[in-house]
Amino acid sequence: MAKRKTKKEKVVDLSPKAEKISDEQLKEVQKVIHNVNNIQMRLGDMEIKKHALLHEFAGVQDEMTILQNKFQKEYGTVDINIVDGIINYPGNGQVN
């Protein structure tokens, strides 16, 4: 490797520089970049689906709140067994 010192005592590399990477290296880096882009797109798609599900979940929670308010107003409690529909009144047991 030929090197020479300039007047300011800097070392200058005079060896020839490569102009581009090999075809194999280019294919390898293109493959990796393609995989990165593919994964980023899939993650974005998941985030969009997650966002939509969160909105749907919020709607279902609102429905539950409406039902609880309705039961509270009609029966005085929201403590209802969801298997058999028995209302569990606080303090005085179950409905006859």
N, C-alpha and C. Protein backbone atom coordinates (compact mmCIF):
# COMPACT_ATOMS: atom_id res chain seq x y z
N MET A 1 0.86 -1.16 0.00
CA MET A 1 0.00 0.00 0.00
C MET A 1 0.91 1.23 0.00
N ALA A 2 0.83 2.02 -1.02
CA ALA A 2 1.69 3.19 -1.15
C ALA A 2 1.10 4.36 -0.38
N LYS A 3 1.90 4.96 0.45
CA LYS A 3 1.47 6.12 1.23
C LYS A 3 2.59 7.14 1.18
N ARG A 4 2.24 8.38 1.23
CA ARG A 4 3.26 9.41 1.31
C ARG A 4 2.79 10.50 2.25
N LYS A 5 3.71 11.24 2.76
CA LYS A 5 3.38 12.32 3.68
C LYS A 5 3.29 13.62 2.90
N THR A 6 2.29 14.41 3.25
CA THR A 6 2.17 15.72 2.63
C THR A 6 2.95 16.73 3.47
N LYS A 7 2.95 17.97 3.07
CA LYS A 7 3.68 19.01 3.79
C LYS A 7 3.20 19.16 5.22
N LYS A 8 1.93 18.89 5.46
CA LYS A 8 1.37 19.06 6.80
C LYS A 8 1.47 17.78 7.61
N GLU A 9 2.28 16.86 7.17
CA GLU A 9 2.51 15.61 7.86
C GLU A 9 1.28 14.70 7.90
N LYS A 10 0.35 14.85 6.98
CA LYS A 10 -0.80 13.96 6.89
C LYS A 10 -0.44 12.78 6.02
N VAL A 11 -1.00 11.64 6.34
CA VAL A 11 -0.78 10.44 5.54
C VAL A 11 -1.92 10.33 4.54
N VAL A 12 -1.59 10.21 3.28
CA VAL A 12 -2.57 10.10 2.22
C VAL A 12 -2.46 8.72 1.61
N ASP A 13 -3.58 8.02 1.55
CA ASP A 13 -3.61 6.68 0.97
C ASP A 13 -3.78 6.80 -0.54
N LEU A 14 -2.80 6.29 -1.28
CA LEU A 14 -2.83 6.41 -2.73
C LEU A 14 -3.28 5.13 -3.43
N SER A 15 -3.67 4.11 -2.66
CA SER A 15 -4.10 2.86 -3.28
C SER A 15 -5.48 3.04 -3.92
N PRO A 16 -5.76 2.30 -4.96
CA PRO A 16 -7.05 2.46 -5.66
C PRO A 16 -8.22 2.02 -4.77
N LYS A 17 -9.34 2.71 -4.90
CA LYS A 17 -10.54 2.41 -4.12
C LYS A 17 -11.53 1.64 -4.99
N ALA A 18 -12.27 0.74 -4.35
CA ALA A 18 -13.31 0.00 -5.07
C ALA A 18 -14.44 0.95 -5.41
N GLU A 19 -15.02 0.79 -6.57
CA GLU A 19 -16.11 1.66 -7.00
C GLU A 19 -17.48 1.14 -6.57
N LYS A 20 -17.62 -0.17 -6.41
CA LYS A 20 -18.89 -0.72 -5.98
C LYS A 20 -18.66 -2.08 -5.34
N ILE A 21 -19.68 -2.53 -4.62
CA ILE A 21 -19.60 -3.84 -3.97
C ILE A 21 -19.84 -4.93 -5.00
N SER A 22 -19.52 -6.16 -4.64
CA SER A 22 -19.71 -7.27 -5.57
C SER A 22 -21.20 -7.56 -5.76
N ASP A 23 -21.52 -8.27 -6.83
CA ASP A 23 -22.91 -8.63 -7.10
C ASP A 23 -23.49 -9.48 -5.97
N GLU A 24 -22.68 -10.38 -5.43
CA GLU A 24 -23.14 -11.23 -4.32
C GLU A 24 -23.44 -10.38 -3.09
N GLN A 25 -22.56 -9.41 -2.79
CA GLN A 25 -22.79 -8.54 -1.64
C GLN A 25 -24.03 -7.68 -1.86
N LEU A 26 -24.22 -7.21 -3.09
CA LEU A 26 -25.40 -6.41 -3.42
C LEU A 26 -26.67 -7.23 -3.21
N LYS A 27 -26.68 -8.47 -3.69
CA LYS A 27 -27.85 -9.33 -3.51
C LYS A 27 -28.11 -9.58 -2.03
N GLU A 28 -27.04 -9.76 -1.27
CA GLU A 28 -27.19 -10.03 0.17
C GLU A 28 -27.79 -8.82 0.88
N VAL A 29 -27.28 -7.64 0.60
CA VAL A 29 -27.81 -6.45 1.27
C VAL A 29 -29.23 -6.15 0.80
N GLN A 30 -29.53 -6.39 -0.47
CA GLN A 30 -30.90 -6.19 -0.96
C GLN A 30 -31.87 -7.15 -0.27
N LYS A 31 -31.43 -8.38 -0.05
CA LYS A 31 -32.27 -9.37 0.63
C LYS A 31 -32.56 -8.93 2.06
N VAL A 32 -31.52 -8.46 2.76
CA VAL A 32 -31.71 -8.03 4.15
C VAL A 32 -32.64 -6.81 4.20
N ILE A 33 -32.43 -5.83 3.32
CA ILE A 33 -33.29 -4.64 3.30
C ILE A 33 -34.73 -5.03 2.96
N HIS A 34 -34.90 -5.97 2.04
CA HIS A 34 -36.25 -6.45 1.70
C HIS A 34 -36.92 -7.08 2.93
N ASN A 35 -36.16 -7.88 3.67
CA ASN A 35 -36.71 -8.51 4.88
C ASN A 35 -37.09 -7.46 5.92
N VAL A 36 -36.24 -6.45 6.10
CA VAL A 36 -36.54 -5.38 7.05
C VAL A 36 -37.83 -4.67 6.64
N ASN A 37 -37.94 -4.31 5.37
CA ASN A 37 -39.14 -3.62 4.89
C ASN A 37 -40.38 -4.49 5.04
N ASN A 38 -40.25 -5.77 4.76
CA ASN A 38 -41.38 -6.70 4.88
C ASN A 38 -41.86 -6.78 6.33
N ILE A 39 -40.90 -6.90 7.25
CA ILE A 39 -41.26 -6.99 8.67
C ILE A 39 -41.90 -5.69 9.14
N GLN A 40 -41.37 -4.55 8.70
CA GLN A 40 -41.97 -3.27 9.08
C GLN A 40 -43.40 -3.14 8.56
N MET A 41 -43.65 -3.61 7.35
CA MET A 41 -45.01 -3.57 6.81
C MET A 41 -45.94 -4.46 7.62
N ARG A 42 -45.46 -5.65 7.98
CA ARG A 42 -46.29 -6.58 8.76
C ARG A 42 -46.58 -6.00 10.14
N LEU A 43 -45.58 -5.38 10.76
CA LEU A 43 -45.79 -4.76 12.07
C LEU A 43 -46.81 -3.62 11.96
N GLY A 44 -46.71 -2.84 10.90
CA GLY A 44 -47.68 -1.75 10.69
C GLY A 44 -49.08 -2.29 10.54
N ASP A 45 -49.21 -3.39 9.80
CA ASP A 45 -50.52 -4.02 9.62
C ASP A 45 -51.07 -4.50 10.95
N MET A 46 -50.21 -5.09 11.78
CA MET A 46 -50.65 -5.54 13.11
C MET A 46 -51.11 -4.37 13.96
N GLU A 47 -50.39 -3.26 13.89
CA GLU A 47 -50.76 -2.09 14.68
C GLU A 47 -52.12 -1.54 14.23
N ILE A 48 -52.37 -1.55 12.94
CA ILE A 48 -53.67 -1.10 12.43
C ILE A 48 -54.78 -2.01 12.95
N LYS A 49 -54.54 -3.33 12.89
CA LYS A 49 -55.54 -4.28 13.40
C LYS A 49 -55.73 -4.10 14.91
N LYS A 50 -54.63 -3.88 15.62
CA LYS A 50 -54.71 -3.67 17.07
C LYS A 50 -55.54 -2.42 17.37
N HIS A 51 -55.30 -1.36 16.62
CA HIS A 51 -56.04 -0.11 16.83
C HIS A 51 -57.54 -0.33 16.61
N ALA A 52 -57.88 -1.04 15.55
CA ALA A 52 -59.28 -1.32 15.26
C ALA A 52 -59.91 -2.16 16.37
N LEU A 53 -59.18 -3.17 16.86
CA LEU A 53 -59.70 -4.00 17.94
C LEU A 53 -59.89 -3.20 19.23
N LEU A 54 -58.98 -2.28 19.50
CA LEU A 54 -59.13 -1.45 20.69
C LEU A 54 -60.39 -0.59 20.61
N HIS A 55 -60.69 -0.07 19.43
CA HIS A 55 -61.93 0.69 19.25
C HIS A 55 -63.15 -0.21 19.44
N GLU A 56 -63.09 -1.40 18.89
CA GLU A 56 -64.19 -2.35 19.04
C GLU A 56 -64.38 -2.71 20.51
N PHE A 57 -63.27 -2.93 21.22
CA PHE A 57 -63.32 -3.26 22.64
C PHE A 57 -63.94 -2.12 23.45
N ALA A 58 -63.59 -0.90 23.12
CA ALA A 58 -64.16 0.25 23.82
C ALA A 58 -65.67 0.31 23.61
N GLY A 59 -66.13 -0.04 22.41
CA GLY A 59 -67.57 -0.07 22.14
C GLY A 59 -68.27 -1.13 22.97
N VAL A 60 -67.66 -2.29 23.11
CA VAL A 60 -68.25 -3.37 23.92
C VAL A 60 -68.27 -2.96 25.39
N GLN A 61 -67.22 -2.29 25.84
CA GLN A 61 -67.21 -1.81 27.23
C GLN A 61 -68.35 -0.80 27.46
N ASP A 62 -68.59 0.05 26.47
CA ASP A 62 -69.71 1.00 26.57
C ASP A 62 -71.04 0.26 26.66
N GLU A 63 -71.20 -0.80 25.87
CA GLU A 63 -72.42 -1.61 25.93
C GLU A 63 -72.60 -2.21 27.32
N MET A 64 -71.48 -2.69 27.91
CA MET A 64 -71.54 -3.29 29.25
C MET A 64 -71.95 -2.24 30.28
N THR A 65 -71.43 -1.05 30.16
CA THR A 65 -71.79 0.03 31.09
C THR A 65 -73.26 0.37 30.98
N ILE A 66 -73.79 0.40 29.76
CA ILE A 66 -75.22 0.67 29.55
C ILE A 66 -76.06 -0.41 30.20
N LEU A 67 -75.67 -1.69 29.99
CA LEU A 67 -76.42 -2.80 30.61
C LEU A 67 -76.35 -2.72 32.13
N GLN A 68 -75.17 -2.43 32.68
CA GLN A 68 -75.04 -2.34 34.13
C GLN A 68 -75.90 -1.22 34.69
N ASN A 69 -75.94 -0.09 34.01
CA ASN A 69 -76.79 1.02 34.47
C ASN A 69 -78.27 0.62 34.41
N LYS A 70 -78.64 -0.10 33.36
CA LYS A 70 -80.03 -0.57 33.22
C LYS A 70 -80.38 -1.54 34.36
N PHE A 71 -79.49 -2.50 34.64
CA PHE A 71 -79.75 -3.47 35.73
C PHE A 71 -79.76 -2.77 37.09
N GLN A 72 -78.87 -1.81 37.27
CA GLN A 72 -78.81 -1.08 38.54
C GLN A 72 -80.12 -0.33 38.77
N LYS A 73 -80.63 0.28 37.71
CA LYS A 73 -81.88 1.04 37.82
C LYS A 73 -83.06 0.10 38.05
N GLU A 74 -83.11 -1.03 37.33
CA GLU A 74 -84.25 -1.94 37.40
C GLU A 74 -84.22 -2.83 38.64
N TYR A 75 -83.02 -3.34 39.02
CA TYR A 75 -82.95 -4.32 40.11
C TYR A 75 -82.21 -3.82 41.34
N GLY A 76 -81.55 -2.67 41.23
CA GLY A 76 -80.83 -2.13 42.38
C GLY A 76 -79.45 -2.74 42.56
N THR A 77 -79.02 -3.56 41.61
CA THR A 77 -77.71 -4.17 41.68
C THR A 77 -77.26 -4.60 40.28
N VAL A 78 -75.97 -4.77 40.12
CA VAL A 78 -75.44 -5.30 38.86
C VAL A 78 -74.80 -6.66 39.09
N ASP A 79 -74.98 -7.20 40.31
CA ASP A 79 -74.40 -8.50 40.66
C ASP A 79 -75.34 -9.60 40.19
N ILE A 80 -75.12 -10.05 38.96
CA ILE A 80 -75.98 -11.06 38.34
C ILE A 80 -75.11 -12.22 37.88
N ASN A 81 -75.56 -13.43 38.21
CA ASN A 81 -74.84 -14.63 37.77
C ASN A 81 -75.08 -14.79 36.27
N ILE A 82 -74.03 -14.75 35.47
CA ILE A 82 -74.21 -14.80 34.02
C ILE A 82 -74.48 -16.20 33.50
N VAL A 83 -74.39 -17.21 34.35
CA VAL A 83 -74.69 -18.58 33.93
C VAL A 83 -76.19 -18.85 34.01
N ASP A 84 -76.82 -18.47 35.16
CA ASP A 84 -78.24 -18.80 35.34
C ASP A 84 -79.14 -17.58 35.50
N GLY A 85 -78.57 -16.36 35.50
CA GLY A 85 -79.38 -15.14 35.58
C GLY A 85 -79.85 -14.77 36.97
N ILE A 86 -79.40 -15.48 38.00
CA ILE A 86 -79.84 -15.18 39.37
C ILE A 86 -79.24 -13.85 39.82
N ILE A 87 -80.09 -13.00 40.38
CA ILE A 87 -79.66 -11.70 40.89
C ILE A 87 -79.20 -11.88 42.32
N ASN A 88 -78.01 -11.44 42.60
CA ASN A 88 -77.46 -11.52 43.96
C ASN A 88 -77.60 -10.15 44.61
N TYR A 89 -78.68 -10.02 45.42
CA TYR A 89 -78.90 -8.75 46.11
C TYR A 89 -77.95 -8.63 47.27
N PRO A 90 -77.39 -7.47 47.49
CA PRO A 90 -76.47 -7.29 48.62
C PRO A 90 -77.22 -7.34 49.94
N GLY A 91 -76.67 -8.11 50.87
CA GLY A 91 -77.22 -8.13 52.24
C GLY A 91 -78.35 -9.07 52.50
N ASN A 92 -79.28 -9.30 51.57
CA ASN A 92 -80.42 -10.14 51.90
C ASN A 92 -80.54 -11.38 51.01
N GLY A 93 -79.46 -11.82 50.43
CA GLY A 93 -79.48 -13.10 49.70
C GLY A 93 -80.03 -12.99 48.28
N GLN A 94 -80.39 -14.15 47.75
CA GLN A 94 -80.83 -14.24 46.37
C GLN A 94 -82.35 -14.04 46.27
N VAL A 95 -82.80 -13.82 45.04
CA VAL A 95 -84.22 -13.68 44.76
C VAL A 95 -84.89 -15.03 44.93
N ASN A 96 -86.12 -15.04 45.43
CA ASN A 96 -86.87 -16.30 45.59
C ASN A 96 -87.40 -16.80 44.28
